[in-house]
Amino acid sequence: MHEAKRLLRSAADPTLLPSAHGVATPRAYRCRCGRQVFFRNSRCLACEAALGYVPSRCALYPMQAAAEPDTWQISLDGTQPPAVYRRCANFATAAACNWLIEPEEGGGSTLCRACRLNRTIPNLSQGRNRAHWLCLERAKRRLVSQLIGLGLPVASKVSEDRERGLAYDFLSNQPGQPRIMTGHALGVITINLEEADDVVRERTRVDMGEPYRTLLGHLRHEIGHYYWARLIARTEWQAPCRRLFGDERKDYALALQTHYERGPPADWRQRFVSAYASVHPCEDWAESWAHYLHLRDSLDTAASFGMEPQRVEGEADAFGVADLWRPRASGAQAFLDMLHRWVRLTGAMNEMSRAMGQHDFYPFVLPPPAVAKLRFIHCTVTGFPGGPPHRKGSP
C-alpha cells in the first residue's frame, strides 16, 4: 500500500522529470522555472528559488515562504490547504542539509529524518572536520533517501525507537586512544571520520588492494549489518539466509584473522561478490546488501534521466532464471531483467569512466552464487514472497 500510494503520487508530480515517474527513488527534478535541479541543491541557480527535499515524496521541490516565520510551502503543491514545512536545523550548519521537516512530524522536531539519526557528530572546532562532516552527511542523505524510497524502516535510535532504531557516531582517532573502527553494533553505526578524507581513504584502498572504497559504499555496507539484525535475525528468513550465505554464528574474530593472514580463498571470484565478502557470512551479507543498493540506486538514477540500459549494445545476457534464489517463484524474470539492465549499464559506464581516465564505475564481476544472494536480498526488501518481517509474512 505504501509503495502504491507513493507511485501514484509521483506519477502526477510536476517536479519530477517524466522519466522519473514510478521510479523507487527519483533522482531528476525540475524547478518551477523549468531548470533542472539536483538532489543536493538548496537553491535554484537560475531563478534563485529556495529548494527542499521532502523524504515522504522522495523528491526535491521549489518552495515559497508560508505565513508563519521560518515555514515553507511547496510552490507546485496542489493540495488544499497547502502543507507547511520547516527546514532542518542542520541547513544552517556545516552539514548543509536541504531536507524538510514534514507537517506530520510535529513542531517538536528540529531535525529531519536523516539528521535525527545522528548520535555523535564530529568536533567542528577541529581542523577539517566541518568539510568532512559535510561529505559524510551528503553520503548519508543519499543512503537514507534510498532506504525510504525502498520502503525500509528508518527510525532514530536516539529519539524515535531506542530498541530497534538506527544511530550514527562520526568519530575521530584521538592521540593515545585505540583507533576508531568503522562498524555496526546494536543499531549504532560508527564511521571513522578519516574515511571522509579523500587522500587517506585512497591510500587505504591501495594498501588493502581494494578495487572500490567510498563513503557511500561504507554506509551501504554497514547498514546491511543493521538490516540483517532488523529483518533477518530470529525470523523465518534466517534459515534460508544461512543456507545461502552461511552460518553467521561462525567465529568472526578467527575468520577475520585468517583472512588477513592468508588472504581470500583462491576461488572467491567464483563464489562471492567481492574478496571481503569471503571473510565471513556476516560480511558476505553486508557486501551483497551494499551491491544491491548500488544496483537499485544506479538504475533509478539512470531511469530518472531517461537513460535506457536495455538499449545499450553489449554481450548476450549472462544469467538465467536458474541462477536465482527460488527460480520458479513469481517475480524471478522481472528481477533477472533488472539484473541484465544493471550489467549493460555498468559495462557502458566502465567504458565512460575509462574515457575520462578514472577508475571503473563498477569494478566487479558477478558470479552466479552472488546473483542468487542479490535475489534473496531483493525478496527481503520488496516483501516477496510474503514480505520481510516488517511487512508480515514469511519466506
Protein backbone atom coordinates (compact mmCIF):
# COMPACT_ATOMS: atom_id res chain seq x y z
CA MET A 1 0.00 0.00 0.00
CA HIS A 2 2.80 2.41 0.89
CA GLU A 3 4.52 1.79 -2.45
CA ALA A 4 1.30 2.08 -4.46
CA LYS A 5 0.44 5.42 -2.87
CA ARG A 6 3.94 6.75 -3.47
CA LEU A 7 3.97 5.73 -7.12
CA LEU A 8 0.50 7.22 -7.64
CA ARG A 9 1.69 10.50 -6.15
CA SER A 10 4.89 10.57 -8.20
CA ALA A 11 3.00 9.96 -11.43
CA ALA A 12 1.33 13.37 -11.09
CA ASP A 13 4.29 15.19 -9.52
CA PRO A 14 5.29 18.18 -11.67
CA THR A 15 8.73 18.48 -10.05
CA LEU A 16 9.83 15.09 -11.43
CA LEU A 17 11.12 14.62 -14.95
CA PRO A 18 8.71 12.37 -16.89
CA SER A 19 11.25 9.56 -16.95
CA ALA A 20 11.43 9.64 -13.14
CA HIS A 21 7.76 8.82 -12.60
CA GLY A 22 7.29 5.43 -10.97
CA VAL A 23 10.97 5.10 -10.00
CA ALA A 24 11.50 3.92 -6.40
CA THR A 25 13.90 6.78 -5.61
CA PRO A 26 13.69 9.51 -8.27
CA ARG A 27 16.90 11.49 -8.84
CA ALA A 28 15.93 14.00 -11.54
CA TYR A 29 13.88 17.12 -10.67
CA ARG A 30 12.83 20.46 -12.13
CA CYS A 31 12.40 23.83 -10.51
CA ARG A 32 9.22 25.86 -11.09
CA CYS A 33 11.19 27.87 -13.66
CA GLY A 34 11.81 24.70 -15.66
CA ARG A 35 15.53 24.45 -14.89
CA GLN A 36 16.85 21.05 -13.85
CA VAL A 37 17.90 20.83 -10.20
CA PHE A 38 19.68 18.08 -8.31
CA PHE A 39 19.34 16.07 -5.11
CA ARG A 40 21.81 18.08 -3.01
CA ASN A 41 20.65 21.55 -4.18
CA SER A 42 19.08 24.03 -1.74
CA ARG A 43 18.62 26.87 -4.26
CA CYS A 44 17.92 27.05 -7.99
CA LEU A 45 20.84 28.71 -9.74
CA ALA A 46 18.55 30.04 -12.47
CA CYS A 47 15.67 31.72 -10.61
CA GLU A 48 17.04 31.69 -7.02
CA ALA A 49 14.03 29.74 -5.72
CA ALA A 50 14.59 28.01 -2.40
CA LEU A 51 14.59 24.21 -2.71
CA GLY A 52 13.87 21.50 -0.17
CA TYR A 53 13.78 17.70 -0.18
CA VAL A 54 10.59 16.03 1.08
CA PRO A 55 11.51 12.48 2.23
CA SER A 56 7.99 11.04 2.11
CA ARG A 57 7.63 12.17 -1.53
CA CYS A 58 11.20 11.24 -2.49
CA ALA A 59 11.53 14.50 -4.39
CA LEU A 60 13.15 17.93 -4.34
CA TYR A 61 10.76 20.89 -4.54
CA PRO A 62 10.85 24.64 -5.14
CA MET A 63 9.47 26.43 -2.08
CA GLN A 64 7.89 29.70 -1.12
CA ALA A 65 7.60 31.32 2.30
CA ALA A 66 4.48 30.39 4.27
CA ALA A 67 2.56 32.64 6.66
CA GLU A 68 4.48 31.80 9.83
CA PRO A 69 8.15 32.78 10.17
CA ASP A 70 10.65 30.12 9.02
CA THR A 71 7.95 27.97 7.43
CA TRP A 72 7.60 26.98 3.81
CA GLN A 73 5.14 25.67 1.28
CA ILE A 74 5.86 23.77 -1.91
CA SER A 75 5.40 26.09 -4.87
CA LEU A 76 3.94 23.32 -7.05
CA ASP A 77 1.83 21.69 -4.32
CA GLY A 78 -1.75 21.11 -5.45
CA THR A 79 -3.03 20.02 -2.01
CA GLN A 80 -5.59 22.24 -0.26
CA PRO A 81 -4.71 23.70 2.12
CA PRO A 82 -1.03 23.56 1.14
CA ALA A 83 1.15 21.61 3.56
CA VAL A 84 3.52 23.66 5.71
CA TYR A 85 7.14 22.56 6.16
CA ARG A 86 10.15 23.67 8.16
CA ARG A 87 13.80 23.42 7.22
CA CYS A 88 16.05 21.02 9.09
CA ALA A 89 18.12 22.82 11.73
CA ASN A 90 21.25 21.49 10.04
CA PHE A 91 20.52 23.65 6.99
CA ALA A 92 22.50 26.42 8.69
CA THR A 93 25.37 24.18 9.83
CA ALA A 94 28.35 22.64 8.07
CA ALA A 95 26.10 19.69 7.18
CA ALA A 96 24.19 21.99 4.78
CA CYS A 97 21.08 19.80 4.99
CA ASN A 98 18.41 20.64 2.40
CA TRP A 99 15.77 18.27 3.80
CA LEU A 100 12.43 19.44 5.15
CA ILE A 101 10.59 18.53 8.34
CA GLU A 102 7.13 17.41 7.35
CA PRO A 103 3.84 18.53 8.95
CA GLU A 104 3.07 15.12 10.45
CA GLU A 105 6.42 15.13 12.28
CA GLY A 106 5.10 17.78 14.68
CA GLY A 107 6.54 21.02 15.92
CA GLY A 108 8.89 19.45 18.46
CA SER A 109 11.43 18.13 15.99
CA THR A 110 14.09 20.49 14.67
CA LEU A 111 15.95 17.85 12.65
CA CYS A 112 14.89 15.98 9.52
CA ARG A 113 14.60 12.20 9.24
CA ALA A 114 18.22 11.83 8.14
CA CYS A 115 19.78 14.17 10.70
CA ARG A 116 17.76 12.67 13.57
CA LEU A 117 19.82 9.51 13.09
CA ASN A 118 22.99 11.25 14.34
CA ARG A 119 24.05 10.34 17.86
CA THR A 120 27.55 11.84 17.69
CA ILE A 121 28.80 14.41 15.19
CA PRO A 122 32.43 15.50 14.73
CA ASN A 123 34.05 18.20 16.83
CA LEU A 124 33.55 21.09 14.39
CA SER A 125 36.23 23.24 16.01
CA GLN A 126 38.97 20.86 14.88
CA GLY A 127 40.82 21.04 11.57
CA ARG A 128 38.88 19.94 8.51
CA ASN A 129 36.08 18.32 10.47
CA ARG A 130 33.48 20.69 9.05
CA ALA A 131 34.34 19.70 5.47
CA HIS A 132 34.49 16.02 6.42
CA TRP A 133 31.13 16.16 8.15
CA LEU A 134 29.58 17.69 5.03
CA CYS A 135 30.92 14.77 2.96
CA LEU A 136 29.54 12.26 5.45
CA GLU A 137 26.12 13.87 5.58
CA ARG A 138 25.81 14.10 1.81
CA ALA A 139 26.52 10.38 1.55
CA LYS A 140 24.16 9.59 4.42
CA ARG A 141 21.32 11.62 2.91
CA ARG A 142 21.75 9.74 -0.35
CA LEU A 143 21.57 6.46 1.53
CA VAL A 144 18.62 7.38 3.73
CA SER A 145 16.60 8.73 0.81
CA GLN A 146 17.06 5.39 -0.94
CA LEU A 147 16.05 3.40 2.16
CA ILE A 148 12.89 5.48 2.44
CA GLY A 149 12.19 5.07 -1.27
CA LEU A 150 12.50 1.30 -0.92
CA GLY A 151 10.04 1.32 1.98
CA LEU A 152 12.55 0.07 4.56
CA PRO A 153 12.16 1.01 8.24
CA VAL A 154 14.20 4.11 9.11
CA ALA A 155 13.81 5.39 12.67
CA SER A 156 16.20 7.17 15.01
CA LYS A 157 17.57 5.16 17.91
CA VAL A 158 18.22 8.50 19.61
CA SER A 159 14.69 9.91 19.61
CA GLU A 160 12.20 7.52 17.99
CA ASP A 161 12.88 3.82 18.57
CA ARG A 162 15.52 3.13 21.21
CA GLU A 163 15.16 -0.64 20.90
CA ARG A 164 15.20 -1.21 17.13
CA GLY A 165 16.20 2.17 15.71
CA LEU A 166 19.35 3.33 13.93
CA ALA A 167 22.03 5.80 15.03
CA TYR A 168 25.34 7.14 13.71
CA ASP A 169 28.53 8.03 15.56
CA PHE A 170 31.01 10.01 13.45
CA LEU A 171 34.26 9.75 15.44
CA SER A 172 37.91 10.74 15.03
CA ASN A 173 41.06 8.95 16.14
CA GLN A 174 42.50 10.55 19.28
CA PRO A 175 46.15 10.52 20.43
CA GLY A 176 46.81 7.78 22.94
CA GLN A 177 43.42 6.18 22.34
CA PRO A 178 42.50 2.99 20.43
CA ARG A 179 41.86 3.52 16.74
CA ILE A 180 38.22 4.15 15.83
CA MET A 181 36.89 1.18 13.91
CA THR A 182 34.15 1.63 11.34
CA GLY A 183 31.41 -0.88 12.05
CA HIS A 184 27.95 -1.70 13.37
CA ALA A 185 26.80 -2.83 16.80
CA LEU A 186 23.25 -2.99 18.17
CA GLY A 187 21.84 -0.43 15.75
CA VAL A 188 24.73 2.05 16.08
CA ILE A 189 26.91 2.58 13.01
CA THR A 190 30.33 4.06 13.75
CA ILE A 191 32.25 5.77 10.96
CA ASN A 192 35.87 6.83 11.37
CA LEU A 193 35.95 10.44 10.20
CA GLU A 194 39.17 9.84 8.24
CA GLU A 195 37.06 7.94 5.69
CA ALA A 196 35.83 11.38 4.59
CA ASP A 197 39.43 12.38 3.78
CA ASP A 198 39.96 11.54 0.10
CA VAL A 199 43.74 11.19 0.47
CA VAL A 200 43.56 8.86 3.48
CA ARG A 201 40.73 6.80 2.02
CA GLU A 202 42.50 6.32 -1.33
CA ARG A 203 45.75 5.37 0.41
CA THR A 204 43.86 2.80 2.47
CA ARG A 205 42.16 1.44 -0.65
CA VAL A 206 45.51 0.93 -2.37
CA ASP A 207 47.21 -0.52 0.71
CA MET A 208 44.39 -3.04 1.16
CA GLY A 209 44.22 -3.93 -2.52
CA GLU A 210 40.56 -2.89 -2.83
CA PRO A 211 39.07 -2.01 -6.23
CA TYR A 212 36.46 0.28 -4.65
CA ARG A 213 36.28 2.30 -1.42
CA THR A 214 33.88 5.24 -0.95
CA LEU A 215 31.94 6.86 1.86
CA LEU A 216 28.65 5.81 0.31
CA GLY A 217 29.97 2.28 -0.06
CA HIS A 218 30.86 2.17 3.65
CA LEU A 219 27.43 3.44 4.63
CA ARG A 220 25.66 0.92 2.42
CA HIS A 221 27.79 -1.94 3.77
CA GLU A 222 27.27 -1.07 7.44
CA ILE A 223 23.54 -0.52 7.02
CA GLY A 224 23.47 -4.06 5.67
CA HIS A 225 24.54 -5.34 9.09
CA TYR A 226 21.77 -3.29 10.66
CA TYR A 227 19.09 -4.68 8.37
CA TRP A 228 20.29 -8.24 8.86
CA ALA A 229 19.63 -7.76 12.58
CA ARG A 230 16.35 -5.94 11.86
CA LEU A 231 14.85 -8.08 9.09
CA ILE A 232 16.55 -11.48 9.20
CA ALA A 233 17.72 -12.39 12.70
CA ARG A 234 15.28 -14.52 14.70
CA THR A 235 12.74 -14.54 11.87
CA GLU A 236 11.64 -17.10 9.32
CA TRP A 237 14.12 -15.54 6.88
CA GLN A 238 17.09 -16.67 8.97
CA ALA A 239 17.14 -20.35 7.96
CA PRO A 240 17.13 -19.73 4.17
CA CYS A 241 19.64 -16.92 4.69
CA ARG A 242 22.01 -19.34 6.43
CA ARG A 243 21.65 -21.86 3.64
CA LEU A 244 22.61 -19.22 1.09
CA PHE A 245 25.21 -17.08 2.88
CA GLY A 246 26.47 -19.50 5.56
CA ASP A 247 26.05 -19.65 9.32
CA GLU A 248 26.62 -16.24 10.91
CA ARG A 249 27.49 -17.98 14.22
CA LYS A 250 30.88 -18.92 12.79
CA ASP A 251 33.78 -17.47 14.85
CA TYR A 252 34.11 -13.96 13.42
CA ALA A 253 37.42 -12.99 15.05
CA LEU A 254 39.09 -16.17 13.81
CA ALA A 255 37.64 -15.71 10.32
CA LEU A 256 38.94 -12.14 10.15
CA GLN A 257 42.39 -13.18 11.40
CA THR A 258 42.57 -15.95 8.83
CA HIS A 259 41.58 -13.55 6.05
CA TYR A 260 44.28 -11.01 6.89
CA GLU A 261 46.94 -13.70 7.37
CA ARG A 262 46.17 -15.84 4.31
CA GLY A 263 44.05 -13.66 2.06
CA PRO A 264 40.77 -14.69 0.40
CA PRO A 265 40.27 -18.23 -0.93
CA ALA A 266 41.65 -18.81 -4.41
CA ASP A 267 38.18 -19.33 -5.87
CA TRP A 268 36.48 -16.34 -4.25
CA ARG A 269 35.69 -14.79 -7.67
CA GLN A 270 33.50 -17.80 -8.47
CA ARG A 271 31.53 -17.59 -5.22
CA PHE A 272 31.43 -14.05 -3.83
CA VAL A 273 30.63 -10.51 -4.92
CA SER A 274 33.97 -9.27 -3.52
CA ALA A 275 37.06 -10.61 -1.78
CA TYR A 276 35.92 -9.16 1.54
CA ALA A 277 32.60 -11.00 1.23
CA SER A 278 34.56 -14.26 1.60
CA VAL A 279 35.69 -13.36 5.14
CA HIS A 280 32.55 -14.47 6.98
CA PRO A 281 28.82 -14.98 6.29
CA CYS A 282 28.07 -11.65 8.01
CA GLU A 283 30.39 -9.82 5.62
CA ASP A 284 29.03 -11.73 2.64
CA TRP A 285 25.56 -10.47 3.56
CA ALA A 286 26.71 -6.87 4.11
CA GLU A 287 28.75 -6.77 0.89
CA SER A 288 25.86 -8.26 -1.09
CA TRP A 289 23.44 -5.78 0.52
CA ALA A 290 25.71 -2.87 -0.44
CA HIS A 291 25.91 -4.11 -4.03
CA TYR A 292 22.14 -4.44 -4.18
CA LEU A 293 21.80 -0.79 -3.08
CA HIS A 294 24.43 0.19 -5.68
CA LEU A 295 22.35 -1.59 -8.31
CA ARG A 296 18.99 -0.10 -7.34
CA ASP A 297 20.17 3.49 -6.94
CA SER A 298 22.20 3.45 -10.15
CA LEU A 299 19.29 2.05 -12.15
CA ASP A 300 16.87 4.53 -10.54
CA THR A 301 19.24 7.38 -11.40
CA ALA A 302 19.65 6.18 -14.99
CA ALA A 303 15.89 5.82 -15.41
CA SER A 304 15.26 9.24 -13.84
CA PHE A 305 17.41 10.86 -16.53
CA GLY A 306 15.89 8.86 -19.37
CA MET A 307 18.85 6.52 -19.81
CA GLU A 308 17.70 3.10 -21.04
CA PRO A 309 20.25 0.35 -20.28
CA GLN A 310 18.16 -2.18 -22.21
CA ARG A 311 19.08 -0.29 -25.39
CA VAL A 312 22.82 -0.44 -24.68
CA GLU A 313 24.65 -2.78 -27.03
CA GLY A 314 26.62 -5.48 -25.25
CA GLU A 315 27.13 -9.17 -24.68
CA ALA A 316 24.26 -11.62 -24.54
CA ASP A 317 22.52 -11.83 -21.18
CA ALA A 318 24.87 -13.59 -18.81
CA PHE A 319 22.40 -15.14 -16.35
CA GLY A 320 19.31 -17.30 -16.49
CA VAL A 321 16.41 -17.83 -14.14
CA ALA A 322 18.12 -20.99 -12.86
CA ASP A 323 20.85 -18.78 -11.32
CA LEU A 324 18.35 -17.12 -8.99
CA TRP A 325 17.25 -17.98 -5.50
CA ARG A 326 13.81 -19.59 -5.81
CA PRO A 327 13.88 -19.51 -9.61
CA ARG A 328 10.32 -20.78 -10.05
CA ALA A 329 8.76 -18.12 -7.83
CA SER A 330 6.87 -15.27 -9.46
CA GLY A 331 8.92 -12.16 -9.97
CA ALA A 332 12.04 -14.09 -10.93
CA GLN A 333 12.01 -12.91 -14.55
CA ALA A 334 11.45 -9.29 -13.52
CA PHE A 335 14.46 -9.46 -11.23
CA LEU A 336 16.53 -11.07 -13.98
CA ASP A 337 15.57 -8.29 -16.38
CA MET A 338 16.64 -5.71 -13.78
CA LEU A 339 19.94 -7.52 -13.28
CA HIS A 340 20.66 -7.56 -17.01
CA ARG A 341 19.91 -3.82 -17.25
CA TRP A 342 22.49 -3.38 -14.47
CA VAL A 343 25.10 -5.46 -16.32
CA ARG A 344 24.60 -3.46 -19.52
CA LEU A 345 24.66 -0.13 -17.66
CA THR A 346 27.85 -0.93 -15.75
CA GLY A 347 29.59 -2.16 -18.89
CA ALA A 348 28.87 1.12 -20.64
CA MET A 349 29.68 3.24 -17.58
CA ASN A 350 33.01 1.44 -17.08
CA GLU A 351 34.00 2.48 -20.58
CA MET A 352 32.83 6.04 -19.89
CA SER A 353 35.00 6.12 -16.76
CA ARG A 354 37.98 4.83 -18.73
CA ALA A 355 37.35 7.51 -21.34
CA MET A 356 37.90 10.07 -18.58
CA GLY A 357 40.91 8.28 -17.11
CA GLN A 358 39.02 7.31 -13.96
CA HIS A 359 38.66 4.07 -12.04
CA ASP A 360 35.96 1.75 -13.32
CA PHE A 361 32.44 2.80 -12.37
CA TYR A 362 31.74 -0.76 -11.13
CA PRO A 363 34.97 -2.79 -10.79
CA PHE A 364 33.31 -6.11 -10.00
CA VAL A 365 32.13 -9.21 -11.86
CA LEU A 366 29.07 -11.01 -10.52
CA PRO A 367 29.34 -14.83 -10.32
CA PRO A 368 26.10 -16.87 -10.27
CA PRO A 369 26.23 -17.56 -6.47
CA ALA A 370 26.38 -13.80 -5.85
CA VAL A 371 23.39 -13.31 -8.17
CA ALA A 372 21.36 -15.77 -6.09
CA LYS A 373 22.23 -13.75 -2.98
CA LEU A 374 21.19 -10.48 -4.61
CA ARG A 375 17.87 -12.09 -5.49
CA PHE A 376 17.38 -13.15 -1.86
CA ILE A 377 18.05 -9.58 -0.69
CA HIS A 378 15.67 -8.26 -3.33
CA CYS A 379 12.97 -10.51 -1.92
CA THR A 380 13.53 -9.29 1.64
CA VAL A 381 13.45 -5.65 0.50
CA THR A 382 10.42 -5.87 -1.77
CA GLY A 383 8.45 -8.12 0.54
CA PHE A 384 8.29 -11.09 -1.82
CA PRO A 385 7.43 -13.82 -1.21
CA GLY A 386 5.20 -12.98 1.72
CA GLY A 387 7.18 -9.97 2.85
CA PRO A 388 10.02 -9.35 5.27
CA PRO A 389 9.16 -9.23 8.98
CA HIS A 390 8.23 -5.54 9.00
CA ARG A 391 5.51 -6.25 6.40
CA LYS A 392 4.38 -9.56 7.92
CA GLY A 393 4.66 -12.94 6.33
CA SER A 394 7.43 -15.43 5.79
CA PRO A 395 9.81 -16.53 3.06
